[in-house]
Amino acid sequence: MSDPQNDTRERVRALVRQVLAAVPPQSPDTADEAFQVKHVVVNSIADKVGKPFDRDESAKSLITEDDLRGLGQGSRLRVAANAKFTSLAADLIKDRGIELIRKESRKSTSKVRSIAIGSDHGGFRLKEQVKDLLTDLGLQVRDFGTDSEEAVDYPDFAHAVARSVAGKQVDAGIIIDGAGIGSAMTANKVPGVRAAACYSPALARNSREHNGANILTLGAGQNSLAEAREIVEAFISTDIAEERHIKRVGKIDNIDRQYRK
């Protein structure tokens, strides 16, 4: 005697397969605009030729059959290391021979555990990409905006990040605008902040090791994504250690206190 629940499940599976099979396989280059937005990747991987996967769903902890829509036979799907799958999704993966590429957390040499990040409209895209990098490294990220490319004023977001750093809510901060200079000027008005605009990994390391910088500012129009990644990694993986540098940073703080009286 058949089980009504199993029969119903099989009918649903068959219907889902039928519907999804009717959708022609799509690639990131040929998918329609609405579909691309639904499966948007917030880092530069989607823009690179020869990427090792066809779709990135690694931001999700549960993969459903809808996330597989449009993937053809033998497609490569990037998923989180601990991702789970619905029963229908698991069946479709098996039926279509979809290769799963597990996204592993990168080994971090970071000296900080938490980061406040913010940007204006000009730095929005780079902010999203840097945020993805920081998350991959296992850092806690507090995003103070902006949340789109609609025009905003950089001092508002630089101030928010600076207050978070000065208030010890996070270990360090990153602010991104067009040149990185205006945000540095704004952040340095907040007592306890030492913001440095850096355009190379060497400057980022120096700002931390010699000057005890606790905020990095970047210019979205000054560096490529690859360069920005190197700068960020240099900044967060360096710390002030030598007594002579600590002494000099103490003098910076003393000057700051004189003008806050």
Protein backbone atom coordinates (compact mmCIF):
# COMPACT_ATOMS: atom_id res chain seq x y z
CA MET A 1 0.00 0.00 0.00
CA SER A 2 1.51 3.34 -1.04
CA ASP A 3 2.20 6.17 1.39
CA PRO A 4 0.10 9.26 0.48
CA GLN A 5 2.75 11.62 1.87
CA ASN A 6 5.51 10.03 -0.21
CA ASP A 7 3.31 10.08 -3.30
CA THR A 8 2.60 13.78 -2.80
CA ARG A 9 6.29 14.54 -2.30
CA GLU A 10 7.23 12.71 -5.50
CA ARG A 11 4.55 14.57 -7.45
CA VAL A 12 5.88 17.89 -6.13
CA ARG A 13 9.43 16.91 -7.05
CA ALA A 14 8.37 15.95 -10.53
CA LEU A 15 6.52 19.25 -10.96
CA VAL A 16 9.51 21.27 -9.76
CA ARG A 17 11.83 19.40 -12.13
CA GLN A 18 9.44 20.04 -14.98
CA VAL A 19 9.22 23.77 -14.26
CA LEU A 20 12.95 24.24 -13.78
CA ALA A 21 13.79 22.14 -16.83
CA ALA A 22 11.74 24.55 -18.92
CA VAL A 23 14.08 27.39 -17.98
CA PRO A 24 17.04 27.50 -20.41
CA PRO A 25 20.50 27.43 -18.80
CA GLN A 26 21.88 30.91 -18.30
CA SER A 27 25.29 32.28 -17.60
CA PRO A 28 26.15 35.53 -15.77
CA ASP A 29 26.82 37.09 -19.18
CA THR A 30 23.48 36.19 -20.73
CA ALA A 31 21.06 36.24 -17.82
CA ASP A 32 18.40 38.89 -17.94
CA GLU A 33 18.79 41.94 -15.73
CA ALA A 34 16.28 40.94 -13.08
CA PHE A 35 17.89 37.54 -12.73
CA GLN A 36 21.37 39.01 -12.35
CA VAL A 37 20.18 41.30 -9.58
CA LYS A 38 18.69 38.37 -7.72
CA HIS A 39 21.99 36.49 -7.76
CA VAL A 40 24.33 39.47 -7.54
CA VAL A 41 27.83 38.90 -6.17
CA VAL A 42 29.10 41.77 -4.04
CA ASN A 43 32.78 41.29 -4.84
CA SER A 44 34.76 41.46 -8.06
CA ILE A 45 34.72 37.71 -8.70
CA ALA A 46 31.71 38.01 -11.02
CA ASP A 47 33.61 40.48 -13.19
CA LYS A 48 36.67 38.29 -13.69
CA VAL A 49 37.15 36.01 -16.67
CA GLY A 50 37.73 32.34 -15.96
CA LYS A 51 36.15 32.31 -12.53
CA PRO A 52 36.03 28.84 -10.94
CA PHE A 53 32.23 28.73 -10.55
CA ASP A 54 29.08 29.62 -12.47
CA ARG A 55 27.09 31.05 -9.59
CA ASP A 56 27.88 32.23 -6.07
CA GLU A 57 25.33 31.43 -3.37
CA SER A 58 27.90 31.31 -0.55
CA ALA A 59 26.13 34.05 1.42
CA LYS A 60 23.22 31.67 2.10
CA SER A 61 23.09 29.02 4.79
CA LEU A 62 20.19 27.16 3.10
CA ILE A 63 20.13 26.41 -0.63
CA THR A 64 16.69 25.86 -2.14
CA GLU A 65 15.58 24.64 -5.55
CA ASP A 66 14.97 28.25 -6.56
CA ASP A 67 18.67 29.00 -6.10
CA LEU A 68 19.43 26.42 -8.79
CA ARG A 69 17.10 27.95 -11.37
CA GLY A 70 18.83 28.22 -14.74
CA LEU A 71 21.88 26.13 -13.83
CA GLY A 72 22.55 23.52 -16.51
CA GLN A 73 24.10 20.07 -16.46
CA GLY A 74 27.52 20.04 -14.83
CA SER A 75 27.33 23.65 -13.60
CA ARG A 76 29.53 24.78 -10.71
CA LEU A 77 27.85 26.30 -7.68
CA ARG A 78 29.77 28.07 -4.92
CA VAL A 79 28.21 27.54 -1.48
CA ALA A 80 29.13 28.26 2.12
CA ALA A 81 31.26 25.68 3.92
CA ASN A 82 28.32 24.76 6.19
CA ALA A 83 25.51 25.22 3.66
CA LYS A 84 22.46 22.97 3.91
CA PHE A 85 20.08 21.99 1.11
CA THR A 86 16.36 21.37 0.83
CA SER A 87 15.40 17.88 -0.31
CA LEU A 88 14.37 19.15 -3.75
CA ALA A 89 17.57 21.12 -4.13
CA ALA A 90 19.64 18.05 -3.22
CA ASP A 91 17.75 15.99 -5.83
CA LEU A 92 18.34 18.60 -8.54
CA ILE A 93 22.03 18.83 -7.70
CA LYS A 94 22.33 15.08 -8.08
CA ASP A 95 20.21 14.89 -11.25
CA ARG A 96 22.11 17.69 -13.00
CA GLY A 97 25.53 16.70 -11.77
CA ILE A 98 26.06 20.17 -10.31
CA GLU A 99 29.52 20.55 -8.79
CA LEU A 100 29.53 22.16 -5.35
CA ILE A 101 32.46 24.40 -4.50
CA ARG A 102 32.62 24.98 -0.78
CA LYS A 103 33.75 28.44 0.28
CA GLU A 104 36.31 28.09 3.04
CA SER A 105 37.17 30.92 5.41
CA ARG A 106 40.54 32.44 4.64
CA LYS A 107 43.27 32.15 7.23
CA SER A 108 43.56 35.53 8.89
CA THR A 109 46.65 37.21 10.32
CA SER A 110 44.55 40.12 11.50
CA LYS A 111 45.51 41.97 14.66
CA VAL A 112 41.94 43.20 15.04
CA ARG A 113 38.71 41.29 15.55
CA SER A 114 36.12 43.91 14.67
CA ILE A 115 35.94 46.66 12.06
CA ALA A 116 33.61 49.60 11.48
CA ILE A 117 33.25 50.43 7.79
CA GLY A 118 31.57 53.28 5.95
CA SER A 119 31.61 55.15 2.66
CA ASP A 120 29.95 57.82 0.59
CA HIS A 121 28.29 57.07 -2.76
CA GLY A 122 31.62 57.13 -4.60
CA GLY A 123 33.06 54.49 -2.31
CA PHE A 124 29.94 52.34 -2.02
CA ARG A 125 30.96 49.59 -4.45
CA LEU A 126 34.46 49.27 -3.04
CA LYS A 127 33.01 49.25 0.49
CA GLU A 128 30.85 46.26 -0.37
CA GLN A 129 33.83 44.43 -1.82
CA VAL A 130 36.09 45.23 1.14
CA LYS A 131 33.32 44.16 3.52
CA ASP A 132 33.20 40.81 1.76
CA LEU A 133 36.97 40.44 2.22
CA LEU A 134 36.76 41.24 5.93
CA THR A 135 33.94 38.76 6.41
CA ASP A 136 35.97 36.07 4.62
CA LEU A 137 38.77 36.71 7.09
CA GLY A 138 36.40 36.08 9.98
CA LEU A 139 36.22 39.65 11.27
CA GLN A 140 33.08 41.17 12.78
CA VAL A 141 31.99 44.03 10.53
CA ARG A 142 29.74 46.96 11.45
CA ASP A 143 28.55 48.72 8.31
CA PHE A 144 27.56 52.36 8.83
CA GLY A 145 26.53 52.90 5.20
CA THR A 146 25.92 54.33 2.72
CA ASP A 147 23.72 51.67 1.17
CA SER A 148 23.58 52.75 -2.48
CA GLU A 149 25.22 54.97 -5.09
CA GLU A 150 22.75 57.77 -4.46
CA ALA A 151 24.65 60.99 -3.67
CA VAL A 152 25.39 61.56 0.03
CA ASP A 153 27.87 63.61 2.10
CA TYR A 154 31.04 61.77 3.13
CA PRO A 155 31.47 63.59 6.51
CA ASP A 156 28.30 61.96 7.84
CA PHE A 157 29.62 58.43 7.33
CA ALA A 158 33.20 59.21 8.28
CA HIS A 159 31.92 60.69 11.53
CA ALA A 160 29.83 57.59 12.30
CA VAL A 161 32.77 55.25 11.81
CA ALA A 162 35.10 57.52 13.80
CA ARG A 163 32.70 57.66 16.75
CA SER A 164 32.48 53.87 16.78
CA VAL A 165 36.27 53.52 16.86
CA ALA A 166 36.75 56.27 19.46
CA GLY A 167 34.07 54.71 21.64
CA LYS A 168 35.88 51.34 21.58
CA GLN A 169 32.86 49.68 20.00
CA VAL A 170 35.24 48.18 17.41
CA ASP A 171 38.98 47.67 17.16
CA ALA A 172 39.53 49.71 13.98
CA GLY A 173 37.75 51.39 11.09
CA ILE A 174 37.83 51.75 7.32
CA ILE A 175 36.26 54.67 5.45
CA ILE A 176 36.08 54.97 1.66
CA ASP A 177 35.32 58.00 -0.50
CA GLY A 178 36.62 59.21 -3.85
CA ALA A 179 40.11 60.17 -2.68
CA GLY A 180 40.20 59.12 0.96
CA ILE A 181 41.38 62.55 2.07
CA GLY A 182 38.11 64.19 3.13
CA SER A 183 37.12 61.19 5.21
CA ALA A 184 40.50 61.23 6.95
CA MET A 185 40.10 64.92 7.76
CA THR A 186 36.63 64.34 9.16
CA ALA A 187 37.55 61.29 11.22
CA ASN A 188 40.56 63.04 12.75
CA LYS A 189 38.26 65.67 14.27
CA VAL A 190 36.98 63.00 16.66
CA PRO A 191 39.12 62.74 19.82
CA GLY A 192 40.98 59.46 20.05
CA VAL A 193 41.00 58.83 16.31
CA ARG A 194 44.17 58.55 14.23
CA ALA A 195 43.01 58.16 10.64
CA ALA A 196 45.46 57.66 7.79
CA ALA A 197 44.79 57.91 4.05
CA CYS A 198 46.90 55.14 2.50
CA TYR A 199 47.44 54.35 -1.17
CA SER A 200 49.86 51.43 -0.80
CA PRO A 201 50.43 48.45 1.51
CA ALA A 202 53.71 50.01 2.68
CA LEU A 203 51.92 53.16 3.83
CA ALA A 204 49.22 51.08 5.53
CA ARG A 205 51.80 49.08 7.46
CA ASN A 206 53.70 52.23 8.39
CA SER A 207 50.53 53.98 9.57
CA ARG A 208 49.88 51.14 12.00
CA GLU A 209 53.39 50.23 13.09
CA HIS A 210 54.78 53.76 13.46
CA ASN A 211 51.72 55.95 13.98
CA GLY A 212 49.19 53.67 15.69
CA ALA A 213 46.52 54.48 13.11
CA ASN A 214 43.14 53.08 14.09
CA ILE A 215 41.26 54.12 10.95
CA LEU A 216 42.24 53.50 7.33
CA THR A 217 40.77 55.72 4.62
CA LEU A 218 40.78 54.64 0.98
CA GLY A 219 40.14 56.45 -2.27
CA ALA A 220 37.88 54.45 -4.55
CA GLY A 221 39.21 56.45 -7.49
CA GLN A 222 42.85 55.95 -6.55
CA ASN A 223 43.28 52.19 -6.27
CA SER A 224 42.01 49.08 -8.01
CA LEU A 225 40.19 46.42 -6.04
CA ALA A 226 43.30 44.22 -5.99
CA GLU A 227 45.37 47.11 -4.62
CA ALA A 228 42.73 47.99 -2.05
CA ARG A 229 42.66 44.40 -0.81
CA GLU A 230 46.43 44.44 -0.30
CA ILE A 231 46.22 47.76 1.54
CA VAL A 232 43.45 46.53 3.84
CA GLU A 233 45.24 43.28 4.60
CA ALA A 234 48.46 45.16 5.39
CA PHE A 235 46.58 47.54 7.69
CA ILE A 236 44.73 44.94 9.74
CA SER A 237 47.69 42.54 10.00
CA THR A 238 50.09 45.14 11.44
CA ASP A 239 50.22 46.60 14.93
CA ILE A 240 52.36 49.05 16.86
CA ALA A 241 54.87 47.27 19.08
CA GLU A 242 58.15 49.14 19.53
CA GLU A 243 58.40 51.40 22.55
CA ARG A 244 59.81 54.34 20.58
CA HIS A 245 56.74 54.36 18.31
CA ILE A 246 54.35 54.02 21.24
CA LYS A 247 56.04 56.99 22.91
CA ARG A 248 55.62 59.17 19.81
CA VAL A 249 51.98 58.23 19.42
CA GLY A 250 51.55 59.20 23.06
CA LYS A 251 52.78 62.67 22.15
CA ILE A 252 50.19 62.86 19.37
CA ASP A 253 47.50 62.06 21.92
CA ASN A 254 48.86 64.67 24.33
CA ILE A 255 48.62 67.36 21.66
CA ASP A 256 45.07 66.26 20.95
CA ARG A 257 44.13 66.62 24.62
CA GLN A 258 45.62 70.13 24.84
CA TYR A 259 43.14 71.44 22.28
CA ARG A 260 40.14 69.71 23.85
CA LYS A 261 40.36 71.69 27.08
